[in-house]
Amino acid sequence: KLPFRSHSPHRFRAGQGFVCEDWYCFPQGLGMYSVGSCMNHSCAPNARVSYSDRNDEALVVVAMKPIAAEEEVCISYIDENAPRQRRQAQLLSHYLFQCSCTKCTDPGDL
């Protein structure tokens, strides 16, 4: 369980003075976000993360739809709108797992 209400953005401070400035964490920097790192991937995520525009090393988590009390908070590590074959290849090469979320197991998702 996450220690906050699921319908509002929340900020988490990094353990170090570095900040990741974009979604894919290109060379802008790195951060340690203990709660943010507990979120698993889904190609049909119920939350998204972004980084504060105030340059304060904060990670913002926003629910994309209502999240039940016991429901897992999932984010997408990649572009979830890409074709399934590309998503699977990216996840395997960059994160070393094969996704089996509801979107990837849907026979209509190509």
N, C-alpha and C. Protein backbone atom coordinates (compact mmCIF):
# COMPACT_ATOMS: atom_id res chain seq x y z
N LYS A 1 0.83 -1.19 0.00
CA LYS A 1 0.00 0.00 0.00
C LYS A 1 0.87 1.24 0.00
N LEU A 2 0.44 2.22 -0.76
CA LEU A 2 1.16 3.48 -0.77
C LEU A 2 0.58 4.41 0.29
N PRO A 3 1.42 5.20 0.95
CA PRO A 3 0.97 6.02 2.08
C PRO A 3 0.33 7.34 1.66
N PHE A 4 -0.57 7.32 0.66
CA PHE A 4 -1.23 8.55 0.24
C PHE A 4 -2.50 8.22 -0.51
N ARG A 5 -3.35 9.21 -0.70
CA ARG A 5 -4.58 9.03 -1.46
C ARG A 5 -4.23 8.91 -2.93
N SER A 6 -4.95 8.07 -3.67
CA SER A 6 -4.56 7.77 -5.04
C SER A 6 -5.05 8.75 -6.09
N HIS A 7 -5.83 9.77 -5.72
CA HIS A 7 -6.39 10.66 -6.73
C HIS A 7 -5.72 12.01 -6.83
N SER A 8 -4.58 12.19 -6.21
CA SER A 8 -3.91 13.48 -6.28
C SER A 8 -2.42 13.27 -6.50
N PRO A 9 -1.75 14.25 -7.12
CA PRO A 9 -0.31 14.09 -7.34
C PRO A 9 0.47 14.13 -6.04
N HIS A 10 1.55 13.39 -6.00
CA HIS A 10 2.41 13.36 -4.82
C HIS A 10 3.84 13.52 -5.24
N ARG A 11 4.64 14.13 -4.40
CA ARG A 11 6.03 14.40 -4.70
C ARG A 11 6.92 13.57 -3.78
N PHE A 12 7.99 13.04 -4.33
CA PHE A 12 8.95 12.27 -3.56
C PHE A 12 10.33 12.86 -3.78
N ARG A 13 11.05 13.12 -2.74
CA ARG A 13 12.39 13.72 -2.85
C ARG A 13 13.43 12.65 -3.15
N ALA A 14 14.37 13.00 -3.97
CA ALA A 14 15.47 12.09 -4.29
C ALA A 14 16.44 12.04 -3.13
N GLY A 15 17.13 10.92 -3.00
CA GLY A 15 18.12 10.78 -1.95
C GLY A 15 19.40 11.54 -2.26
N GLN A 16 19.66 11.81 -3.51
CA GLN A 16 20.88 12.51 -3.92
C GLN A 16 20.50 13.80 -4.65
N GLY A 17 21.47 14.62 -4.98
CA GLY A 17 21.23 15.90 -5.61
C GLY A 17 21.12 15.85 -7.12
N PHE A 18 20.83 14.71 -7.68
CA PHE A 18 20.69 14.58 -9.12
C PHE A 18 19.21 14.44 -9.46
N VAL A 19 18.83 14.88 -10.63
CA VAL A 19 17.43 14.76 -11.03
C VAL A 19 17.35 14.27 -12.47
N CYS A 20 16.38 13.41 -12.71
CA CYS A 20 16.12 12.94 -14.06
C CYS A 20 15.13 13.92 -14.68
N GLU A 21 15.46 14.48 -15.82
CA GLU A 21 14.65 15.55 -16.39
C GLU A 21 13.69 15.07 -17.46
N ASP A 22 13.79 13.84 -17.96
CA ASP A 22 12.84 13.39 -18.96
C ASP A 22 12.44 11.94 -18.70
N TRP A 23 11.40 11.51 -19.42
CA TRP A 23 10.76 10.21 -19.19
C TRP A 23 11.75 9.05 -19.31
N TYR A 24 12.67 9.09 -20.26
CA TYR A 24 13.54 7.97 -20.51
C TYR A 24 14.86 8.05 -19.75
N CYS A 25 15.03 9.05 -18.92
CA CYS A 25 16.23 9.21 -18.08
C CYS A 25 17.51 9.24 -18.90
N PHE A 26 17.51 9.99 -19.98
CA PHE A 26 18.73 10.19 -20.74
C PHE A 26 19.70 10.95 -19.86
N PRO A 27 20.90 11.28 -20.30
CA PRO A 27 21.98 11.77 -19.44
C PRO A 27 21.72 12.99 -18.57
N GLN A 28 20.49 13.43 -18.40
CA GLN A 28 20.23 14.59 -17.57
C GLN A 28 20.55 14.32 -16.10
N GLY A 29 20.49 13.10 -15.65
CA GLY A 29 20.82 12.79 -14.26
C GLY A 29 20.04 11.59 -13.76
N LEU A 30 20.27 11.26 -12.51
CA LEU A 30 19.62 10.11 -11.88
C LEU A 30 19.10 10.50 -10.52
N GLY A 31 18.17 9.73 -10.00
CA GLY A 31 17.65 9.98 -8.66
C GLY A 31 17.22 8.67 -8.02
N MET A 32 17.09 8.69 -6.72
CA MET A 32 16.60 7.53 -5.97
C MET A 32 15.23 7.89 -5.42
N TYR A 33 14.20 7.21 -5.90
CA TYR A 33 12.83 7.47 -5.47
C TYR A 33 12.29 6.17 -4.88
N SER A 34 12.31 6.05 -3.58
CA SER A 34 11.96 4.77 -2.95
C SER A 34 10.53 4.34 -3.25
N VAL A 35 9.56 5.23 -3.20
CA VAL A 35 8.18 4.84 -3.50
C VAL A 35 8.00 4.65 -5.00
N GLY A 36 8.57 5.55 -5.79
CA GLY A 36 8.45 5.44 -7.24
C GLY A 36 9.04 4.16 -7.79
N SER A 37 10.10 3.67 -7.19
CA SER A 37 10.73 2.44 -7.66
C SER A 37 9.91 1.20 -7.30
N CYS A 38 8.90 1.33 -6.49
CA CYS A 38 8.04 0.20 -6.12
C CYS A 38 6.91 -0.03 -7.12
N MET A 39 6.79 0.83 -8.11
CA MET A 39 5.70 0.70 -9.08
C MET A 39 6.13 -0.19 -10.24
N ASN A 40 5.31 -1.17 -10.54
CA ASN A 40 5.58 -2.08 -11.64
C ASN A 40 5.08 -1.49 -12.95
N HIS A 41 5.47 -2.14 -14.04
CA HIS A 41 5.08 -1.71 -15.38
C HIS A 41 3.76 -2.33 -15.80
N SER A 42 3.01 -1.60 -16.58
CA SER A 42 1.86 -2.11 -17.31
C SER A 42 1.74 -1.30 -18.59
N CYS A 43 1.38 -1.96 -19.69
CA CYS A 43 1.13 -1.24 -20.94
C CYS A 43 -0.26 -0.60 -20.90
N ALA A 44 -1.01 -0.86 -19.85
CA ALA A 44 -2.30 -0.22 -19.58
C ALA A 44 -2.21 0.36 -18.16
N PRO A 45 -1.35 1.36 -17.95
CA PRO A 45 -1.09 1.86 -16.60
C PRO A 45 -2.28 2.59 -15.99
N ASN A 46 -2.32 2.61 -14.66
CA ASN A 46 -3.36 3.38 -13.97
C ASN A 46 -2.78 4.65 -13.35
N ALA A 47 -1.47 4.87 -13.53
CA ALA A 47 -0.81 6.07 -13.02
C ALA A 47 0.32 6.46 -13.96
N ARG A 48 0.78 7.68 -13.81
CA ARG A 48 1.93 8.14 -14.59
C ARG A 48 2.85 8.90 -13.66
N VAL A 49 4.10 8.98 -14.04
CA VAL A 49 5.07 9.76 -13.27
C VAL A 49 5.62 10.87 -14.14
N SER A 50 5.95 11.94 -13.50
CA SER A 50 6.64 13.04 -14.17
C SER A 50 7.58 13.64 -13.15
N TYR A 51 8.36 14.57 -13.58
CA TYR A 51 9.33 15.20 -12.70
C TYR A 51 8.97 16.66 -12.54
N SER A 52 9.11 17.16 -11.37
CA SER A 52 8.73 18.52 -11.03
C SER A 52 9.37 19.53 -11.96
N ASP A 53 8.59 20.53 -12.36
CA ASP A 53 9.14 21.60 -13.18
C ASP A 53 9.75 22.70 -12.32
N ARG A 54 9.78 22.49 -11.00
CA ARG A 54 10.36 23.48 -10.09
C ARG A 54 11.82 23.21 -9.77
N ASN A 55 12.41 22.21 -10.44
CA ASN A 55 13.82 21.85 -10.22
C ASN A 55 14.09 21.55 -8.75
N ASP A 56 13.16 20.83 -8.10
CA ASP A 56 13.31 20.52 -6.68
C ASP A 56 13.49 19.02 -6.42
N GLU A 57 13.88 18.28 -7.46
CA GLU A 57 14.16 16.85 -7.33
C GLU A 57 12.94 16.04 -6.90
N ALA A 58 11.75 16.48 -7.26
CA ALA A 58 10.53 15.78 -6.85
C ALA A 58 9.97 14.94 -7.99
N LEU A 59 9.54 13.74 -7.66
CA LEU A 59 8.84 12.85 -8.58
C LEU A 59 7.36 13.02 -8.31
N VAL A 60 6.57 13.23 -9.35
CA VAL A 60 5.13 13.44 -9.21
C VAL A 60 4.42 12.20 -9.75
N VAL A 61 3.55 11.59 -8.95
CA VAL A 61 2.77 10.43 -9.35
C VAL A 61 1.31 10.87 -9.44
N VAL A 62 0.69 10.64 -10.61
CA VAL A 62 -0.68 11.06 -10.83
C VAL A 62 -1.51 9.86 -11.28
N ALA A 63 -2.64 9.63 -10.62
CA ALA A 63 -3.55 8.56 -11.03
C ALA A 63 -4.21 8.96 -12.35
N MET A 64 -4.26 8.03 -13.30
CA MET A 64 -4.89 8.28 -14.59
C MET A 64 -6.36 7.86 -14.58
N LYS A 65 -6.74 7.13 -13.56
CA LYS A 65 -8.12 6.69 -13.35
C LYS A 65 -8.24 6.32 -11.89
N PRO A 66 -9.45 6.14 -11.38
CA PRO A 66 -9.59 5.75 -9.96
C PRO A 66 -8.84 4.44 -9.68
N ILE A 67 -8.15 4.41 -8.54
CA ILE A 67 -7.39 3.23 -8.13
C ILE A 67 -7.95 2.74 -6.80
N ALA A 68 -8.40 1.50 -6.78
CA ALA A 68 -8.98 0.92 -5.57
C ALA A 68 -7.91 0.78 -4.49
N ALA A 69 -8.35 0.69 -3.25
CA ALA A 69 -7.44 0.64 -2.09
C ALA A 69 -6.41 -0.48 -2.19
N GLU A 70 -6.76 -1.65 -2.65
CA GLU A 70 -5.85 -2.79 -2.72
C GLU A 70 -5.27 -3.00 -4.12
N GLU A 71 -5.61 -2.14 -5.07
CA GLU A 71 -5.13 -2.29 -6.45
C GLU A 71 -3.67 -1.84 -6.56
N GLU A 72 -2.91 -2.55 -7.37
CA GLU A 72 -1.51 -2.19 -7.59
C GLU A 72 -1.42 -0.92 -8.44
N VAL A 73 -0.53 -0.02 -8.06
CA VAL A 73 -0.28 1.18 -8.84
C VAL A 73 0.78 0.82 -9.88
N CYS A 74 0.41 0.94 -11.17
CA CYS A 74 1.32 0.59 -12.26
C CYS A 74 1.55 1.79 -13.16
N ILE A 75 2.78 1.91 -13.63
CA ILE A 75 3.15 2.94 -14.58
C ILE A 75 3.68 2.26 -15.83
N SER A 76 3.82 2.99 -16.91
CA SER A 76 4.42 2.43 -18.11
C SER A 76 5.87 2.87 -18.19
N TYR A 77 6.76 1.91 -18.39
CA TYR A 77 8.18 2.20 -18.52
C TYR A 77 8.52 2.66 -19.94
N ILE A 78 7.62 2.42 -20.87
CA ILE A 78 7.86 2.68 -22.29
C ILE A 78 6.64 3.38 -22.89
N ASP A 79 6.66 3.59 -24.20
CA ASP A 79 5.50 4.16 -24.91
C ASP A 79 4.45 3.06 -25.03
N GLU A 80 3.40 3.14 -24.22
CA GLU A 80 2.38 2.09 -24.22
C GLU A 80 1.51 2.10 -25.47
N ASN A 81 1.65 3.11 -26.31
CA ASN A 81 0.88 3.18 -27.56
C ASN A 81 1.61 2.53 -28.73
N ALA A 82 2.83 2.09 -28.53
CA ALA A 82 3.58 1.40 -29.58
C ALA A 82 2.94 0.03 -29.83
N PRO A 83 3.17 -0.56 -31.00
CA PRO A 83 2.66 -1.91 -31.27
C PRO A 83 3.22 -2.91 -30.25
N ARG A 84 2.47 -3.96 -29.97
CA ARG A 84 2.85 -4.94 -28.95
C ARG A 84 4.25 -5.51 -29.20
N GLN A 85 4.57 -5.86 -30.44
CA GLN A 85 5.89 -6.44 -30.73
C GLN A 85 7.01 -5.47 -30.34
N ARG A 86 6.85 -4.19 -30.62
CA ARG A 86 7.87 -3.20 -30.26
C ARG A 86 7.93 -3.03 -28.74
N ARG A 87 6.77 -2.99 -28.08
CA ARG A 87 6.77 -2.86 -26.61
C ARG A 87 7.50 -4.03 -25.98
N GLN A 88 7.17 -5.24 -26.43
CA GLN A 88 7.80 -6.44 -25.86
C GLN A 88 9.31 -6.42 -26.08
N ALA A 89 9.74 -6.01 -27.27
CA ALA A 89 11.17 -5.97 -27.57
C ALA A 89 11.88 -4.94 -26.69
N GLN A 90 11.28 -3.77 -26.51
CA GLN A 90 11.89 -2.74 -25.66
C GLN A 90 11.98 -3.19 -24.21
N LEU A 91 10.92 -3.78 -23.70
CA LEU A 91 10.93 -4.23 -22.31
C LEU A 91 11.96 -5.33 -22.09
N LEU A 92 12.06 -6.24 -23.05
CA LEU A 92 13.02 -7.33 -22.91
C LEU A 92 14.46 -6.81 -22.99
N SER A 93 14.74 -5.91 -23.93
CA SER A 93 16.11 -5.43 -24.09
C SER A 93 16.54 -4.43 -23.01
N HIS A 94 15.62 -3.62 -22.53
CA HIS A 94 15.98 -2.58 -21.55
C HIS A 94 15.70 -2.97 -20.10
N TYR A 95 14.67 -3.80 -19.88
CA TYR A 95 14.26 -4.12 -18.50
C TYR A 95 14.30 -5.61 -18.18
N LEU A 96 14.63 -6.43 -19.18
CA LEU A 96 14.85 -7.87 -19.01
C LEU A 96 13.63 -8.64 -18.54
N PHE A 97 12.44 -8.26 -19.01
CA PHE A 97 11.25 -9.07 -18.73
C PHE A 97 10.29 -9.00 -19.90
N GLN A 98 9.41 -10.01 -19.96
CA GLN A 98 8.35 -10.05 -20.96
C GLN A 98 7.06 -9.64 -20.27
N CYS A 99 6.41 -8.64 -20.81
CA CYS A 99 5.19 -8.12 -20.19
C CYS A 99 4.01 -9.07 -20.42
N SER A 100 3.22 -9.27 -19.38
CA SER A 100 2.02 -10.10 -19.49
C SER A 100 0.82 -9.34 -18.91
N CYS A 101 0.82 -8.03 -19.10
CA CYS A 101 -0.29 -7.20 -18.61
C CYS A 101 -1.55 -7.49 -19.42
N THR A 102 -2.65 -6.91 -19.00
CA THR A 102 -3.92 -7.15 -19.69
C THR A 102 -3.89 -6.69 -21.15
N LYS A 103 -3.17 -5.63 -21.44
CA LYS A 103 -3.09 -5.15 -22.83
C LYS A 103 -2.27 -6.13 -23.68
N CYS A 104 -1.16 -6.60 -23.16
CA CYS A 104 -0.30 -7.52 -23.92
C CYS A 104 -0.93 -8.89 -24.12
N THR A 105 -1.81 -9.30 -23.23
CA THR A 105 -2.45 -10.60 -23.37
C THR A 105 -3.79 -10.52 -24.09
N ASP A 106 -4.20 -9.31 -24.48
CA ASP A 106 -5.43 -9.13 -25.25
C ASP A 106 -5.19 -9.55 -26.70
N PRO A 107 -5.93 -10.55 -27.21
CA PRO A 107 -5.73 -11.00 -28.59
C PRO A 107 -5.94 -9.90 -29.64
N GLY A 108 -6.69 -8.87 -29.30
CA GLY A 108 -6.93 -7.78 -30.23
C GLY A 108 -5.82 -6.75 -30.28
N ASP A 109 -4.87 -6.83 -29.36
CA ASP A 109 -3.76 -5.88 -29.33
C ASP A 109 -2.64 -6.40 -30.21
N LEU A 110 -2.35 -5.66 -31.25
CA LEU A 110 -1.27 -6.06 -32.15
C LEU A 110 -0.14 -5.09 -31.99
